[in-house]
N, C-alpha and C. Protein backbone atom coordinates (compact mmCIF):
# COMPACT_ATOMS: atom_id res chain seq x y z
N MET A 1 10.74 79.56 172.31
CA MET A 1 10.96 78.15 172.48
C MET A 1 12.02 77.90 173.55
N ARG A 2 13.08 78.67 173.46
CA ARG A 2 14.17 78.44 174.40
C ARG A 2 13.76 78.82 175.82
N MET A 3 12.83 79.80 175.98
CA MET A 3 12.35 80.15 177.32
C MET A 3 11.58 78.99 177.92
N LEU A 4 10.86 78.24 177.10
CA LEU A 4 10.13 77.09 177.60
C LEU A 4 11.08 76.01 178.08
N LEU A 5 12.16 75.79 177.36
CA LEU A 5 13.14 74.80 177.79
C LEU A 5 13.84 75.22 179.07
N VAL A 6 14.15 76.49 179.15
CA VAL A 6 14.83 77.01 180.33
C VAL A 6 13.95 76.84 181.56
N GLY A 7 12.67 77.04 181.41
CA GLY A 7 11.75 76.95 182.54
C GLY A 7 11.46 75.55 183.00
N GLY A 8 11.86 74.56 182.24
CA GLY A 8 11.57 73.18 182.58
C GLY A 8 12.03 72.77 183.96
N ALA A 9 13.24 73.11 184.31
CA ALA A 9 13.77 72.72 185.62
C ALA A 9 13.00 73.39 186.74
N LEU A 10 12.70 74.65 186.60
CA LEU A 10 11.95 75.36 187.62
C LEU A 10 10.56 74.78 187.77
N VAL A 11 9.91 74.53 186.66
CA VAL A 11 8.56 73.98 186.70
C VAL A 11 8.57 72.61 187.37
N MET A 12 9.53 71.78 187.01
CA MET A 12 9.60 70.44 187.60
C MET A 12 9.86 70.52 189.09
N MET A 13 10.75 71.40 189.52
CA MET A 13 11.08 71.49 190.93
C MET A 13 9.88 71.93 191.77
N THR A 14 9.22 72.98 191.34
CA THR A 14 8.10 73.45 192.15
C THR A 14 6.86 72.60 191.95
N SER A 15 6.70 72.01 190.78
CA SER A 15 5.55 71.15 190.56
C SER A 15 5.62 69.90 191.44
N ALA A 16 6.81 69.37 191.61
CA ALA A 16 6.96 68.20 192.47
C ALA A 16 6.54 68.52 193.89
N ALA A 17 6.90 69.68 194.36
CA ALA A 17 6.50 70.07 195.72
C ALA A 17 5.01 70.30 195.81
N MET A 18 4.38 70.71 194.71
CA MET A 18 2.98 71.07 194.76
C MET A 18 2.03 69.96 194.35
N THR A 19 2.51 68.86 193.77
CA THR A 19 1.59 67.83 193.31
C THR A 19 1.51 66.62 194.20
N SER A 20 2.54 66.31 194.96
CA SER A 20 2.47 65.16 195.85
C SER A 20 1.80 65.59 197.14
N SER A 21 0.91 64.74 197.63
CA SER A 21 0.19 65.15 198.82
C SER A 21 -0.41 63.97 199.55
N ALA A 22 -0.17 63.94 200.85
CA ALA A 22 -0.85 62.97 201.69
C ALA A 22 -2.05 63.62 202.35
N VAL A 23 -2.11 64.96 202.32
CA VAL A 23 -3.16 65.68 203.02
C VAL A 23 -4.06 66.46 202.06
N ALA A 24 -3.87 66.31 200.77
CA ALA A 24 -4.60 67.12 199.80
C ALA A 24 -6.05 66.67 199.68
N ASP A 25 -6.83 66.92 200.70
CA ASP A 25 -8.21 66.48 200.67
C ASP A 25 -9.20 67.62 200.86
N ASP A 26 -8.74 68.84 200.99
CA ASP A 26 -9.69 69.93 201.16
C ASP A 26 -9.44 71.05 200.17
N GLY A 27 -10.44 71.94 200.08
CA GLY A 27 -10.36 73.04 199.13
C GLY A 27 -9.26 74.03 199.43
N ASP A 28 -8.91 74.19 200.72
CA ASP A 28 -7.84 75.13 201.07
C ASP A 28 -6.53 74.73 200.44
N THR A 29 -6.22 73.44 200.47
CA THR A 29 -4.97 72.96 199.90
C THR A 29 -4.97 73.15 198.39
N LYS A 30 -6.06 72.81 197.74
CA LYS A 30 -6.12 72.96 196.28
C LYS A 30 -6.06 74.43 195.87
N GLY A 31 -6.73 75.29 196.64
CA GLY A 31 -6.67 76.72 196.35
C GLY A 31 -5.26 77.27 196.54
N ALA A 32 -4.61 76.86 197.62
CA ALA A 32 -3.24 77.30 197.87
C ALA A 32 -2.30 76.79 196.78
N GLN A 33 -2.55 75.58 196.32
CA GLN A 33 -1.73 75.00 195.26
C GLN A 33 -1.87 75.81 193.97
N LYS A 34 -3.09 76.15 193.62
CA LYS A 34 -3.33 76.94 192.40
C LYS A 34 -2.65 78.31 192.49
N LEU A 35 -2.76 78.95 193.65
CA LEU A 35 -2.12 80.25 193.82
C LEU A 35 -0.60 80.13 193.73
N ALA A 36 -0.04 79.08 194.32
CA ALA A 36 1.41 78.88 194.25
C ALA A 36 1.86 78.63 192.81
N GLN A 37 1.08 77.86 192.08
CA GLN A 37 1.42 77.61 190.67
C GLN A 37 1.33 78.90 189.86
N GLN A 38 0.30 79.71 190.14
CA GLN A 38 0.18 80.99 189.45
C GLN A 38 1.34 81.91 189.80
N GLY A 39 1.72 81.93 191.08
CA GLY A 39 2.86 82.73 191.51
C GLY A 39 4.13 82.29 190.81
N ARG A 40 4.34 80.99 190.71
CA ARG A 40 5.51 80.45 190.01
C ARG A 40 5.50 80.89 188.55
N ASP A 41 4.36 80.75 187.90
CA ASP A 41 4.26 81.11 186.48
C ASP A 41 4.49 82.61 186.27
N ASP A 42 3.90 83.43 187.13
CA ASP A 42 4.08 84.88 187.00
C ASP A 42 5.56 85.25 187.17
N TYR A 43 6.21 84.65 188.17
CA TYR A 43 7.62 84.96 188.40
C TYR A 43 8.47 84.48 187.23
N TRP A 44 8.20 83.30 186.75
CA TRP A 44 8.96 82.77 185.63
C TRP A 44 8.79 83.66 184.40
N HIS A 45 7.56 84.08 184.11
CA HIS A 45 7.34 84.93 182.94
C HIS A 45 8.06 86.27 183.08
N CYS A 46 8.08 86.80 184.29
CA CYS A 46 8.80 88.05 184.51
C CYS A 46 10.30 87.85 184.29
N LEU A 47 10.85 86.76 184.81
CA LEU A 47 12.27 86.47 184.58
C LEU A 47 12.56 86.26 183.10
N ALA A 48 11.64 85.65 182.40
CA ALA A 48 11.82 85.45 180.96
C ALA A 48 11.85 86.79 180.23
N ARG A 49 11.02 87.73 180.67
CA ARG A 49 11.07 89.08 180.06
C ARG A 49 12.42 89.73 180.34
N GLU A 50 12.94 89.53 181.55
CA GLU A 50 14.25 90.08 181.89
C GLU A 50 15.33 89.47 181.00
N TYR A 51 15.24 88.17 180.80
CA TYR A 51 16.17 87.44 179.95
C TYR A 51 16.17 88.01 178.53
N SER A 52 14.98 88.37 178.07
CA SER A 52 14.82 88.81 176.68
C SER A 52 15.13 90.28 176.45
N ARG A 53 15.34 91.04 177.50
CA ARG A 53 15.59 92.47 177.34
C ARG A 53 16.87 92.69 176.54
N GLU A 54 16.75 93.52 175.55
CA GLU A 54 17.88 93.83 174.68
C GLU A 54 19.05 94.41 175.46
N SER A 55 18.75 95.22 176.46
CA SER A 55 19.81 95.87 177.23
C SER A 55 20.64 94.89 178.06
N ASN A 56 20.15 93.70 178.29
CA ASN A 56 20.89 92.71 179.07
C ASN A 56 21.81 91.83 178.22
N GLN A 57 21.67 91.88 176.93
CA GLN A 57 22.38 90.93 176.06
C GLN A 57 23.90 91.05 176.13
N GLY A 58 24.45 92.19 176.44
CA GLY A 58 25.90 92.35 176.49
C GLY A 58 26.49 92.19 177.88
N LEU A 59 25.67 91.85 178.86
CA LEU A 59 26.15 91.77 180.24
C LEU A 59 26.96 90.51 180.49
N SER A 60 27.87 90.60 181.45
CA SER A 60 28.59 89.41 181.89
C SER A 60 27.64 88.55 182.71
N GLU A 61 28.06 87.33 183.00
CA GLU A 61 27.25 86.43 183.82
C GLU A 61 26.96 87.04 185.19
N GLN A 62 27.99 87.63 185.79
CA GLN A 62 27.82 88.22 187.11
C GLN A 62 26.86 89.41 187.09
N ASP A 63 27.02 90.26 186.08
CA ASP A 63 26.15 91.43 185.97
C ASP A 63 24.71 91.02 185.69
N PHE A 64 24.53 90.03 184.83
CA PHE A 64 23.18 89.55 184.56
C PHE A 64 22.58 88.92 185.81
N GLY A 65 23.39 88.18 186.56
CA GLY A 65 22.92 87.58 187.81
C GLY A 65 22.45 88.63 188.79
N ARG A 66 23.20 89.73 188.90
CA ARG A 66 22.78 90.82 189.79
C ARG A 66 21.50 91.47 189.28
N SER A 67 21.39 91.61 187.98
CA SER A 67 20.19 92.19 187.39
C SER A 67 18.97 91.33 187.68
N VAL A 68 19.11 90.02 187.51
CA VAL A 68 18.01 89.09 187.76
C VAL A 68 17.64 89.07 189.24
N ALA A 69 18.63 89.13 190.11
CA ALA A 69 18.37 89.10 191.55
C ALA A 69 17.51 90.29 191.99
N GLY A 70 17.64 91.41 191.29
CA GLY A 70 16.86 92.59 191.64
C GLY A 70 15.60 92.77 190.82
N ALA A 71 15.42 91.92 189.83
CA ALA A 71 14.28 92.06 188.93
C ALA A 71 13.01 91.44 189.54
N CYS A 72 11.91 91.89 189.10
CA CYS A 72 10.61 91.30 189.42
C CYS A 72 10.33 91.20 190.92
N PRO A 73 10.52 92.26 191.68
CA PRO A 73 10.36 92.14 193.14
C PRO A 73 8.95 91.74 193.58
N SER A 74 7.93 92.29 192.94
CA SER A 74 6.57 91.94 193.38
C SER A 74 6.21 90.51 193.00
N GLU A 75 6.62 90.07 191.81
CA GLU A 75 6.36 88.70 191.38
C GLU A 75 7.13 87.70 192.26
N ARG A 76 8.36 88.06 192.58
CA ARG A 76 9.19 87.19 193.43
C ARG A 76 8.55 87.03 194.80
N GLN A 77 8.12 88.15 195.38
CA GLN A 77 7.51 88.09 196.71
C GLN A 77 6.18 87.33 196.68
N TYR A 78 5.39 87.56 195.65
CA TYR A 78 4.11 86.84 195.53
C TYR A 78 4.35 85.34 195.43
N TYR A 79 5.33 84.95 194.63
CA TYR A 79 5.66 83.53 194.50
C TYR A 79 6.11 82.97 195.85
N ARG A 80 6.98 83.67 196.52
CA ARG A 80 7.48 83.20 197.82
C ARG A 80 6.32 83.04 198.81
N VAL A 81 5.45 84.03 198.89
CA VAL A 81 4.36 84.00 199.85
C VAL A 81 3.35 82.90 199.51
N THR A 82 2.98 82.77 198.24
CA THR A 82 2.00 81.75 197.87
C THR A 82 2.57 80.35 198.04
N LEU A 83 3.86 80.16 197.74
CA LEU A 83 4.47 78.85 197.95
C LEU A 83 4.56 78.56 199.45
N LEU A 84 4.92 79.53 200.23
CA LEU A 84 4.97 79.37 201.68
C LEU A 84 3.58 79.01 202.22
N ASP A 85 2.55 79.68 201.75
CA ASP A 85 1.19 79.39 202.18
C ASP A 85 0.80 77.96 201.81
N TYR A 86 1.13 77.57 200.59
CA TYR A 86 0.82 76.21 200.15
C TYR A 86 1.54 75.18 201.02
N LEU A 87 2.83 75.37 201.23
CA LEU A 87 3.58 74.41 202.02
C LEU A 87 3.06 74.33 203.45
N THR A 88 2.68 75.47 204.02
CA THR A 88 2.13 75.48 205.37
C THR A 88 0.79 74.76 205.43
N THR A 89 -0.03 74.94 204.40
CA THR A 89 -1.31 74.26 204.34
C THR A 89 -1.11 72.76 204.12
N GLN A 90 -0.19 72.43 203.25
CA GLN A 90 0.06 71.04 202.87
C GLN A 90 0.72 70.26 204.00
N TYR A 91 1.66 70.89 204.67
CA TYR A 91 2.46 70.22 205.70
C TYR A 91 2.43 71.06 206.99
N PRO A 92 1.31 71.07 207.69
CA PRO A 92 1.17 71.95 208.86
C PRO A 92 2.08 71.58 210.03
N ASP A 93 2.55 70.35 210.09
CA ASP A 93 3.38 69.93 211.22
C ASP A 93 4.86 70.25 211.05
N ILE A 94 5.23 70.74 209.89
CA ILE A 94 6.63 71.09 209.64
C ILE A 94 6.84 72.55 210.04
N ASP A 95 7.98 72.83 210.63
CA ASP A 95 8.33 74.16 211.10
C ASP A 95 8.22 75.19 209.97
N ALA A 96 7.66 76.34 210.28
CA ALA A 96 7.49 77.40 209.28
C ALA A 96 8.83 77.86 208.71
N GLY A 97 9.89 77.80 209.51
CA GLY A 97 11.21 78.17 209.02
C GLY A 97 11.68 77.26 207.89
N ALA A 98 11.34 75.99 207.99
CA ALA A 98 11.70 75.04 206.92
C ALA A 98 10.94 75.36 205.64
N HIS A 99 9.66 75.73 205.79
CA HIS A 99 8.88 76.12 204.61
C HIS A 99 9.44 77.38 203.97
N LEU A 100 9.83 78.34 204.79
CA LEU A 100 10.40 79.57 204.26
C LEU A 100 11.71 79.27 203.53
N ALA A 101 12.52 78.40 204.09
CA ALA A 101 13.78 78.03 203.43
C ALA A 101 13.49 77.36 202.08
N THR A 102 12.47 76.52 202.02
CA THR A 102 12.11 75.86 200.76
C THR A 102 11.65 76.89 199.74
N ALA A 103 10.81 77.83 200.16
CA ALA A 103 10.33 78.87 199.25
C ALA A 103 11.49 79.73 198.75
N ASN A 104 12.42 80.06 199.64
CA ASN A 104 13.59 80.85 199.22
C ASN A 104 14.45 80.08 198.24
N ARG A 105 14.61 78.77 198.46
CA ARG A 105 15.39 77.96 197.52
C ARG A 105 14.72 77.89 196.16
N ALA A 106 13.40 77.86 196.12
CA ALA A 106 12.69 77.85 194.84
C ALA A 106 12.93 79.15 194.08
N VAL A 107 12.91 80.27 194.78
CA VAL A 107 13.19 81.56 194.14
C VAL A 107 14.63 81.59 193.63
N GLU A 108 15.56 81.14 194.46
CA GLU A 108 16.97 81.11 194.06
C GLU A 108 17.19 80.19 192.86
N ALA A 109 16.49 79.07 192.83
CA ALA A 109 16.62 78.14 191.71
C ALA A 109 16.12 78.77 190.41
N ALA A 110 15.04 79.52 190.49
CA ALA A 110 14.53 80.21 189.30
C ALA A 110 15.56 81.20 188.77
N GLN A 111 16.15 81.95 189.69
CA GLN A 111 17.16 82.93 189.28
C GLN A 111 18.37 82.23 188.69
N LYS A 112 18.81 81.16 189.31
CA LYS A 112 19.97 80.41 188.82
C LYS A 112 19.69 79.84 187.44
N ASP A 113 18.49 79.30 187.25
CA ASP A 113 18.14 78.72 185.95
C ASP A 113 18.16 79.75 184.83
N ILE A 114 17.64 80.94 185.10
CA ILE A 114 17.61 81.97 184.06
C ILE A 114 19.02 82.46 183.75
N VAL A 115 19.89 82.55 184.76
CA VAL A 115 21.28 82.97 184.54
C VAL A 115 22.01 81.89 183.73
N MET A 116 21.79 80.64 184.08
CA MET A 116 22.46 79.55 183.34
C MET A 116 22.01 79.55 181.88
N ALA A 117 20.73 79.79 181.64
CA ALA A 117 20.24 79.85 180.26
C ALA A 117 20.85 81.02 179.52
N PHE A 118 20.98 82.14 180.21
CA PHE A 118 21.58 83.34 179.63
C PHE A 118 23.01 83.05 179.18
N VAL A 119 23.78 82.42 180.05
CA VAL A 119 25.17 82.10 179.74
C VAL A 119 25.26 81.09 178.61
N LYS A 120 24.42 80.09 178.66
CA LYS A 120 24.47 79.02 177.66
C LYS A 120 24.08 79.51 176.28
N HIS A 121 23.14 80.43 176.20
CA HIS A 121 22.60 80.82 174.90
C HIS A 121 23.09 82.15 174.36
N ARG A 122 23.96 82.80 175.08
CA ARG A 122 24.43 84.08 174.54
C ARG A 122 25.46 83.80 173.43
N PRO A 123 25.55 84.71 172.50
CA PRO A 123 26.49 84.52 171.39
C PRO A 123 27.93 84.59 171.91
N PRO A 124 28.83 83.88 171.24
CA PRO A 124 30.24 83.92 171.67
C PRO A 124 30.79 85.33 171.58
N GLN A 125 31.67 85.66 172.52
CA GLN A 125 32.26 87.00 172.52
C GLN A 125 33.36 87.06 171.47
N LYS A 126 33.47 88.21 170.83
CA LYS A 126 34.45 88.38 169.75
C LYS A 126 35.75 88.88 170.28
């Protein structure tokens, strides 16, 4: 239950980028959107598994943050690439560097959200 609440901010952030569209009139855009959503979900589920690992429960915020930053490399890259593809398809006139920056911020936001949830929900230290 708590993983679902934690994921709310990430889902809202990337869903907003993926649902509004002035150009969403062809199959390429819808296909890219579905892949980006799947990439987001896969990455989020991987981060949730990292959050739930017993070995991470005693880590400090900084150590857990480093662990999350290195976790799920293939899911992270897939999410970044599919979101970048979607943004490029959706907004072809915007510089590719801006799309890459947006995709990187989405990945960073996911990592930040899972670290914040970890800190908020860990038991008090004795």
